[in-house]
Amino acid sequence: GETWKSLTQSNDLQRLLKIYSPFPDTA
């Protein structure tokens, strides 16, 4: 958490609430 890379973002109102990821490439 020292630095973060943005994988996806947009300027719309879409709000992501919670994430589950069994593997780093799958979520």
PDB file of all heavy atoms in Angstrom:
ATOM      1  N   GLY A   1       0.774  -1.226   0.000  1.00  0.00           N
ATOM      2  CA  GLY A   1       0.000   0.000   0.000  1.00  0.00           C
ATOM      3  C   GLY A   1       0.804   1.273   0.000  1.00  0.00           C
ATOM      4  O   GLY A   1       0.248   2.368   0.078  1.00  0.00           O
ATOM      5  N   GLU A   2       2.136   1.168  -0.092  1.00  0.00           N
ATOM      6  CA  GLU A   2       2.949   2.382  -0.194  1.00  0.00           C
ATOM      7  C   GLU A   2       2.604   3.137  -1.472  1.00  0.00           C
ATOM      8  O   GLU A   2       2.451   4.355  -1.474  1.00  0.00           O
ATOM      9  CB  GLU A   2       4.441   2.021  -0.168  1.00  0.00           C
ATOM     10  CG  GLU A   2       4.935   1.508   1.174  1.00  0.00           C
ATOM     11  CD  GLU A   2       5.098   2.616   2.194  1.00  0.00           C
ATOM     12  OE1 GLU A   2       5.004   3.794   1.813  1.00  0.00           O
ATOM     13  OE2 GLU A   2       5.289   2.289   3.374  1.00  0.00           O
ATOM     14  N   THR A   3       2.508   2.420  -2.570  1.00  0.00           N
ATOM     15  CA  THR A   3       2.090   3.005  -3.847  1.00  0.00           C
ATOM     16  C   THR A   3       1.073   2.078  -4.489  1.00  0.00           C
ATOM     17  O   THR A   3       1.055   0.870  -4.240  1.00  0.00           O
ATOM     18  CB  THR A   3       3.282   3.212  -4.798  1.00  0.00           C
ATOM     19  OG1 THR A   3       3.928   1.947  -5.027  1.00  0.00           O
ATOM     20  CG2 THR A   3       4.281   4.184  -4.204  1.00  0.00           C
ATOM     21  N   TRP A   4       0.240   2.656  -5.356  1.00  0.00           N
ATOM     22  CA  TRP A   4      -0.825   1.905  -6.009  1.00  0.00           C
ATOM     23  C   TRP A   4      -0.808   2.180  -7.508  1.00  0.00           C
ATOM     24  O   TRP A   4      -0.516   3.296  -7.937  1.00  0.00           O
ATOM     25  CB  TRP A   4      -2.187   2.296  -5.438  1.00  0.00           C
ATOM     26  CG  TRP A   4      -2.366   1.955  -4.010  1.00  0.00           C
ATOM     27  CD1 TRP A   4      -1.949   2.688  -2.927  1.00  0.00           C
ATOM     28  CD2 TRP A   4      -2.997   0.797  -3.474  1.00  0.00           C
ATOM     29  NE1 TRP A   4      -2.293   2.056  -1.769  1.00  0.00           N
ATOM     30  CE2 TRP A   4      -2.947   0.899  -2.066  1.00  0.00           C
ATOM     31  CE3 TRP A   4      -3.625  -0.314  -4.056  1.00  0.00           C
ATOM     32  CZ2 TRP A   4      -3.488  -0.074  -1.237  1.00  0.00           C
ATOM     33  CZ3 TRP A   4      -4.166  -1.276  -3.216  1.00  0.00           C
ATOM     34  CH2 TRP A   4      -4.093  -1.158  -1.830  1.00  0.00           C
ATOM     35  N   LYS A   5      -1.132   1.165  -8.287  1.00  0.00           N
ATOM     36  CA  LYS A   5      -1.301   1.309  -9.724  1.00  0.00           C
ATOM     37  C   LYS A   5      -2.778   1.204 -10.053  1.00  0.00           C
ATOM     38  O   LYS A   5      -3.464   0.303  -9.569  1.00  0.00           O
ATOM     39  CB  LYS A   5      -0.527   0.219 -10.466  1.00  0.00           C
ATOM     40  CG  LYS A   5      -0.727   0.239 -11.975  1.00  0.00           C
ATOM     41  CD  LYS A   5      -0.005  -0.923 -12.638  1.00  0.00           C
ATOM     42  CE  LYS A   5      -0.239  -0.922 -14.143  1.00  0.00           C
ATOM     43  NZ  LYS A   5       0.429  -2.076 -14.797  1.00  0.00           N
ATOM     44  N   SER A   6      -3.274   2.129 -10.864  1.00  0.00           N
ATOM     45  CA  SER A   6      -4.669   2.103 -11.266  1.00  0.00           C
ATOM     46  C   SER A   6      -4.838   1.158 -12.446  1.00  0.00           C
ATOM     47  O   SER A   6      -4.274   1.369 -13.517  1.00  0.00           O
ATOM     48  CB  SER A   6      -5.137   3.515 -11.647  1.00  0.00           C
ATOM     49  OG  SER A   6      -6.476   3.478 -12.073  1.00  0.00           O
ATOM     50  N   LEU A   7      -5.627   0.078 -12.249  1.00  0.00           N
ATOM     51  CA  LEU A   7      -5.870  -0.891 -13.311  1.00  0.00           C
ATOM     52  C   LEU A   7      -7.052  -0.496 -14.169  1.00  0.00           C
ATOM     53  O   LEU A   7      -7.112  -0.825 -15.352  1.00  0.00           O
ATOM     54  CB  LEU A   7      -6.102  -2.282 -12.714  1.00  0.00           C
ATOM     55  CG  LEU A   7      -4.955  -2.840 -11.869  1.00  0.00           C
ATOM     56  CD1 LEU A   7      -5.323  -4.218 -11.340  1.00  0.00           C
ATOM     57  CD2 LEU A   7      -3.671  -2.913 -12.683  1.00  0.00           C
ATOM     58  N   THR A   8      -8.038   0.156 -13.581  1.00  0.00           N
ATOM     59  CA  THR A   8      -9.190   0.643 -14.330  1.00  0.00           C
ATOM     60  C   THR A   8      -9.821   1.788 -13.557  1.00  0.00           C
ATOM     61  O   THR A   8      -9.858   1.783 -12.332  1.00  0.00           O
ATOM     62  CB  THR A   8     -10.231  -0.467 -14.569  1.00  0.00           C
ATOM     63  OG1 THR A   8     -11.370   0.100 -15.220  1.00  0.00           O
ATOM     64  CG2 THR A   8     -10.672  -1.091 -13.269  1.00  0.00           C
ATOM     65  N   GLN A   9     -10.310   2.797 -14.280  1.00  0.00           N
ATOM     66  CA  GLN A   9     -10.999   3.920 -13.673  1.00  0.00           C
ATOM     67  C   GLN A   9     -11.754   4.664 -14.760  1.00  0.00           C
ATOM     68  O   GLN A   9     -11.474   4.512 -15.950  1.00  0.00           O
ATOM     69  CB  GLN A   9     -10.033   4.875 -12.967  1.00  0.00           C
ATOM     70  CG  GLN A   9      -9.046   5.558 -13.920  1.00  0.00           C
ATOM     71  CD  GLN A   9      -8.036   6.407 -13.183  1.00  0.00           C
ATOM     72  OE1 GLN A   9      -7.214   5.901 -12.456  1.00  0.00           O
ATOM     73  NE2 GLN A   9      -8.119   7.694 -13.377  1.00  0.00           N
ATOM     74  N   SER A  10     -12.741   5.435 -14.379  1.00  0.00           N
ATOM     75  CA  SER A  10     -13.508   6.242 -15.319  1.00  0.00           C
ATOM     76  C   SER A  10     -14.128   7.391 -14.556  1.00  0.00           C
ATOM     77  O   SER A  10     -14.080   7.444 -13.330  1.00  0.00           O
ATOM     78  CB  SER A  10     -14.599   5.400 -15.994  1.00  0.00           C
ATOM     79  OG  SER A  10     -15.496   4.874 -15.028  1.00  0.00           O
ATOM     80  N   ASN A  11     -14.711   8.327 -15.276  1.00  0.00           N
ATOM     81  CA  ASN A  11     -15.311   9.502 -14.640  1.00  0.00           C
ATOM     82  C   ASN A  11     -16.816   9.366 -14.462  1.00  0.00           C
ATOM     83  O   ASN A  11     -17.497  10.335 -14.159  1.00  0.00           O
ATOM     84  CB  ASN A  11     -15.008  10.755 -15.470  1.00  0.00           C
ATOM     85  CG  ASN A  11     -13.540  11.148 -15.383  1.00  0.00           C
ATOM     86  OD1 ASN A  11     -12.929  11.032 -14.327  1.00  0.00           O
ATOM     87  ND2 ASN A  11     -12.986  11.604 -16.486  1.00  0.00           N
ATOM     88  N   ASP A  12     -17.362   8.158 -14.690  1.00  0.00           N
ATOM     89  CA  ASP A  12     -18.796   7.969 -14.511  1.00  0.00           C
ATOM     90  C   ASP A  12     -19.108   7.753 -13.035  1.00  0.00           C
ATOM     91  O   ASP A  12     -18.247   7.845 -12.171  1.00  0.00           O
ATOM     92  CB  ASP A  12     -19.302   6.803 -15.364  1.00  0.00           C
ATOM     93  CG  ASP A  12     -18.573   5.506 -15.049  1.00  0.00           C
ATOM     94  OD1 ASP A  12     -18.063   5.371 -13.914  1.00  0.00           O
ATOM     95  OD2 ASP A  12     -18.503   4.628 -15.928  1.00  0.00           O
ATOM     96  N   LEU A  13     -20.372   7.452 -12.756  1.00  0.00           N
ATOM     97  CA  LEU A  13     -20.819   7.301 -11.373  1.00  0.00           C
ATOM     98  C   LEU A  13     -20.734   5.869 -10.879  1.00  0.00           C
ATOM     99  O   LEU A  13     -21.229   5.566  -9.797  1.00  0.00           O
ATOM    100  CB  LEU A  13     -22.261   7.805 -11.238  1.00  0.00           C
ATOM    101  CG  LEU A  13     -22.458   9.289 -11.520  1.00  0.00           C
ATOM    102  CD1 LEU A  13     -23.932   9.649 -11.387  1.00  0.00           C
ATOM    103  CD2 LEU A  13     -21.609  10.142 -10.592  1.00  0.00           C
ATOM    104  N   GLN A  14     -20.131   4.990 -11.662  1.00  0.00           N
ATOM    105  CA  GLN A  14     -20.017   3.592 -11.261  1.00  0.00           C
ATOM    106  C   GLN A  14     -19.225   3.482  -9.960  1.00  0.00           C
ATOM    107  O   GLN A  14     -18.090   3.942  -9.872  1.00  0.00           O
ATOM    108  CB  GLN A  14     -19.325   2.795 -12.361  1.00  0.00           C
ATOM    109  CG  GLN A  14     -19.098   1.335 -12.036  1.00  0.00           C
ATOM    110  CD  GLN A  14     -20.268   0.466 -12.425  1.00  0.00           C
ATOM    111  OE1 GLN A  14     -21.406   0.811 -12.145  1.00  0.00           O
ATOM    112  NE2 GLN A  14     -20.001  -0.641 -13.075  1.00  0.00           N
ATOM    113  N   ARG A  15     -19.818   2.842  -8.954  1.00  0.00           N
ATOM    114  CA  ARG A  15     -19.141   2.687  -7.670  1.00  0.00           C
ATOM    115  C   ARG A  15     -18.953   1.206  -7.389  1.00  0.00           C
ATOM    116  O   ARG A  15     -19.913   0.439  -7.392  1.00  0.00           O
ATOM    117  CB  ARG A  15     -19.951   3.326  -6.540  1.00  0.00           C
ATOM    118  CG  ARG A  15     -19.164   3.388  -5.237  1.00  0.00           C
ATOM    119  CD  ARG A  15     -19.984   4.014  -4.126  1.00  0.00           C
ATOM    120  NE  ARG A  15     -19.117   4.377  -2.998  1.00  0.00           N
ATOM    121  CZ  ARG A  15     -19.557   4.613  -1.779  1.00  0.00           C
ATOM    122  NH1 ARG A  15     -20.848   4.527  -1.511  1.00  0.00           N
ATOM    123  NH2 ARG A  15     -18.723   4.930  -0.814  1.00  0.00           N
ATOM    124  N   LEU A  16     -17.710   0.798  -7.152  1.00  0.00           N
ATOM    125  CA  LEU A  16     -17.391  -0.584  -6.818  1.00  0.00           C
ATOM    126  C   LEU A  16     -17.396  -0.722  -5.301  1.00  0.00           C
ATOM    127  O   LEU A  16     -16.742   0.054  -4.601  1.00  0.00           O
ATOM    128  CB  LEU A  16     -16.038  -0.972  -7.394  1.00  0.00           C
ATOM    129  CG  LEU A  16     -15.894  -0.736  -8.913  1.00  0.00           C
ATOM    130  CD1 LEU A  16     -14.545  -1.228  -9.393  1.00  0.00           C
ATOM    131  CD2 LEU A  16     -17.018  -1.400  -9.691  1.00  0.00           C
ATOM    132  N   LEU A  17     -18.128  -1.724  -4.787  1.00  0.00           N
ATOM    133  CA  LEU A  17     -18.392  -1.804  -3.355  1.00  0.00           C
ATOM    134  C   LEU A  17     -17.510  -2.809  -2.627  1.00  0.00           C
ATOM    135  O   LEU A  17     -17.067  -2.554  -1.519  1.00  0.00           O
ATOM    136  CB  LEU A  17     -19.859  -2.169  -3.121  1.00  0.00           C
ATOM    137  CG  LEU A  17     -20.884  -1.157  -3.635  1.00  0.00           C
ATOM    138  CD1 LEU A  17     -22.286  -1.694  -3.443  1.00  0.00           C
ATOM    139  CD2 LEU A  17     -20.722   0.166  -2.924  1.00  0.00           C
ATOM    140  N   LYS A  18     -17.283  -3.994  -3.233  1.00  0.00           N
ATOM    141  CA  LYS A  18     -16.533  -5.023  -2.541  1.00  0.00           C
ATOM    142  C   LYS A  18     -15.891  -5.951  -3.546  1.00  0.00           C
ATOM    143  O   LYS A  18     -16.444  -6.206  -4.616  1.00  0.00           O
ATOM    144  CB  LYS A  18     -17.445  -5.818  -1.596  1.00  0.00           C
ATOM    145  CG  LYS A  18     -16.666  -6.693  -0.622  1.00  0.00           C
ATOM    146  CD  LYS A  18     -17.489  -7.105   0.571  1.00  0.00           C
ATOM    147  CE  LYS A  18     -16.613  -7.843   1.590  1.00  0.00           C
ATOM    148  NZ  LYS A  18     -17.358  -8.262   2.778  1.00  0.00           N
ATOM    149  N   ILE A  19     -14.714  -6.493  -3.189  1.00  0.00           N
ATOM    150  CA  ILE A  19     -13.956  -7.334  -4.106  1.00  0.00           C
ATOM    151  C   ILE A  19     -13.661  -8.682  -3.467  1.00  0.00           C
ATOM    152  O   ILE A  19     -13.414  -8.779  -2.258  1.00  0.00           O
ATOM    153  CB  ILE A  19     -12.633  -6.642  -4.525  1.00  0.00           C
ATOM    154  CG1 ILE A  19     -11.897  -7.496  -5.579  1.00  0.00           C
ATOM    155  CG2 ILE A  19     -11.755  -6.326  -3.332  1.00  0.00           C
ATOM    156  CD1 ILE A  19     -10.729  -6.793  -6.233  1.00  0.00           C
ATOM    157  N   TYR A  20     -13.752  -9.722  -4.290  1.00  0.00           N
ATOM    158  CA  TYR A  20     -13.290 -11.055  -3.910  1.00  0.00           C
ATOM    159  C   TYR A  20     -12.377 -11.544  -5.019  1.00  0.00           C
ATOM    160  O   TYR A  20     -12.714 -11.446  -6.204  1.00  0.00           O
ATOM    161  CB  TYR A  20     -14.451 -12.027  -3.732  1.00  0.00           C
ATOM    162  CG  TYR A  20     -13.990 -13.471  -3.648  1.00  0.00           C
ATOM    163  CD1 TYR A  20     -13.323 -13.931  -2.514  1.00  0.00           C
ATOM    164  CD2 TYR A  20     -14.173 -14.349  -4.708  1.00  0.00           C
ATOM    165  CE1 TYR A  20     -12.871 -15.233  -2.433  1.00  0.00           C
ATOM    166  CE2 TYR A  20     -13.729 -15.663  -4.634  1.00  0.00           C
ATOM    167  CZ  TYR A  20     -13.083 -16.101  -3.494  1.00  0.00           C
ATOM    168  OH  TYR A  20     -12.631 -17.396  -3.425  1.00  0.00           O
ATOM    169  N   SER A  21     -11.207 -12.085  -4.641  1.00  0.00           N
ATOM    170  CA  SER A  21     -10.241 -12.513  -5.639  1.00  0.00           C
ATOM    171  C   SER A  21      -9.522 -13.770  -5.163  1.00  0.00           C
ATOM    172  O   SER A  21      -8.676 -13.699  -4.272  1.00  0.00           O
ATOM    173  CB  SER A  21      -9.216 -11.393  -5.902  1.00  0.00           C
ATOM    174  OG  SER A  21      -8.281 -11.779  -6.879  1.00  0.00           O
ATOM    175  N   PRO A  22      -9.854 -14.937  -5.745  1.00  0.00           N
ATOM    176  CA  PRO A  22      -9.155 -16.158  -5.347  1.00  0.00           C
ATOM    177  C   PRO A  22      -7.718 -16.192  -5.830  1.00  0.00           C
ATOM    178  O   PRO A  22      -6.861 -16.822  -5.218  1.00  0.00           O
ATOM    179  CB  PRO A  22      -9.999 -17.261  -5.983  1.00  0.00           C
ATOM    180  CG  PRO A  22     -10.667 -16.611  -7.144  1.00  0.00           C
ATOM    181  CD  PRO A  22     -10.904 -15.195  -6.739  1.00  0.00           C
ATOM    182  N   PHE A  23      -7.442 -15.523  -6.960  1.00  0.00           N
ATOM    183  CA  PHE A  23      -6.096 -15.426  -7.519  1.00  0.00           C
ATOM    184  C   PHE A  23      -5.882 -13.991  -7.987  1.00  0.00           C
ATOM    185  O   PHE A  23      -6.845 -13.274  -8.284  1.00  0.00           O
ATOM    186  CB  PHE A  23      -5.906 -16.381  -8.701  1.00  0.00           C
ATOM    187  CG  PHE A  23      -6.283 -17.801  -8.398  1.00  0.00           C
ATOM    188  CD1 PHE A  23      -7.444 -18.337  -8.916  1.00  0.00           C
ATOM    189  CD2 PHE A  23      -5.492 -18.591  -7.588  1.00  0.00           C
ATOM    190  CE1 PHE A  23      -7.802 -19.637  -8.642  1.00  0.00           C
ATOM    191  CE2 PHE A  23      -5.841 -19.882  -7.300  1.00  0.00           C
ATOM    192  CZ  PHE A  23      -6.996 -20.416  -7.835  1.00  0.00           C
ATOM    193  N   PRO A  24      -4.633 -13.526  -8.095  1.00  0.00           N
ATOM    194  CA  PRO A  24      -4.396 -12.148  -8.528  1.00  0.00           C
ATOM    195  C   PRO A  24      -4.984 -11.803  -9.891  1.00  0.00           C
ATOM    196  O   PRO A  24      -5.313 -10.642 -10.137  1.00  0.00           O
ATOM    197  CB  PRO A  24      -2.867 -12.048  -8.542  1.00  0.00           C
ATOM    198  CG  PRO A  24      -2.417 -13.037  -7.520  1.00  0.00           C
ATOM    199  CD  PRO A  24      -3.384 -14.178  -7.635  1.00  0.00           C
ATOM    200  N   ASP A  25      -5.126 -12.783 -10.795  1.00  0.00           N
ATOM    201  CA  ASP A  25      -5.646 -12.465 -12.121  1.00  0.00           C
ATOM    202  C   ASP A  25      -7.150 -12.630 -12.243  1.00  0.00           C
ATOM    203  O   ASP A  25      -7.741 -12.305 -13.270  1.00  0.00           O
ATOM    204  CB  ASP A  25      -4.946 -13.314 -13.188  1.00  0.00           C
ATOM    205  CG  ASP A  25      -5.169 -14.808 -12.968  1.00  0.00           C
ATOM    206  OD1 ASP A  25      -5.680 -15.174 -11.886  1.00  0.00           O
ATOM    207  OD2 ASP A  25      -4.831 -15.598 -13.864  1.00  0.00           O
ATOM    208  N   THR A  26      -7.809 -13.154 -11.205  1.00  0.00           N
ATOM    209  CA  THR A  26      -9.242 -13.420 -11.243  1.00  0.00           C
ATOM    210  C   THR A  26      -9.918 -12.694 -10.095  1.00  0.00           C
ATOM    211  O   THR A  26      -9.470 -12.785  -8.955  1.00  0.00           O
ATOM    212  CB  THR A  26      -9.528 -14.931 -11.138  1.00  0.00           C
ATOM    213  OG1 THR A  26      -8.870 -15.603 -12.205  1.00  0.00           O
ATOM    214  CG2 THR A  26     -11.019 -15.213 -11.199  1.00  0.00           C
ATOM    215  N   ALA A  27     -11.001 -11.975 -10.385  1.00  0.00           N
ATOM    216  CA  ALA A  27     -11.665 -11.207  -9.336  1.00  0.00           C
ATOM    217  C   ALA A  27     -13.127 -10.981  -9.698  1.00  0.00           C
ATOM    218  O   ALA A  27     -13.495 -10.933 -10.870  1.00  0.00           O
ATOM    219  CB  ALA A  27     -10.969  -9.870  -9.120  1.00  0.00           C
TER     220      ALA A  27
END
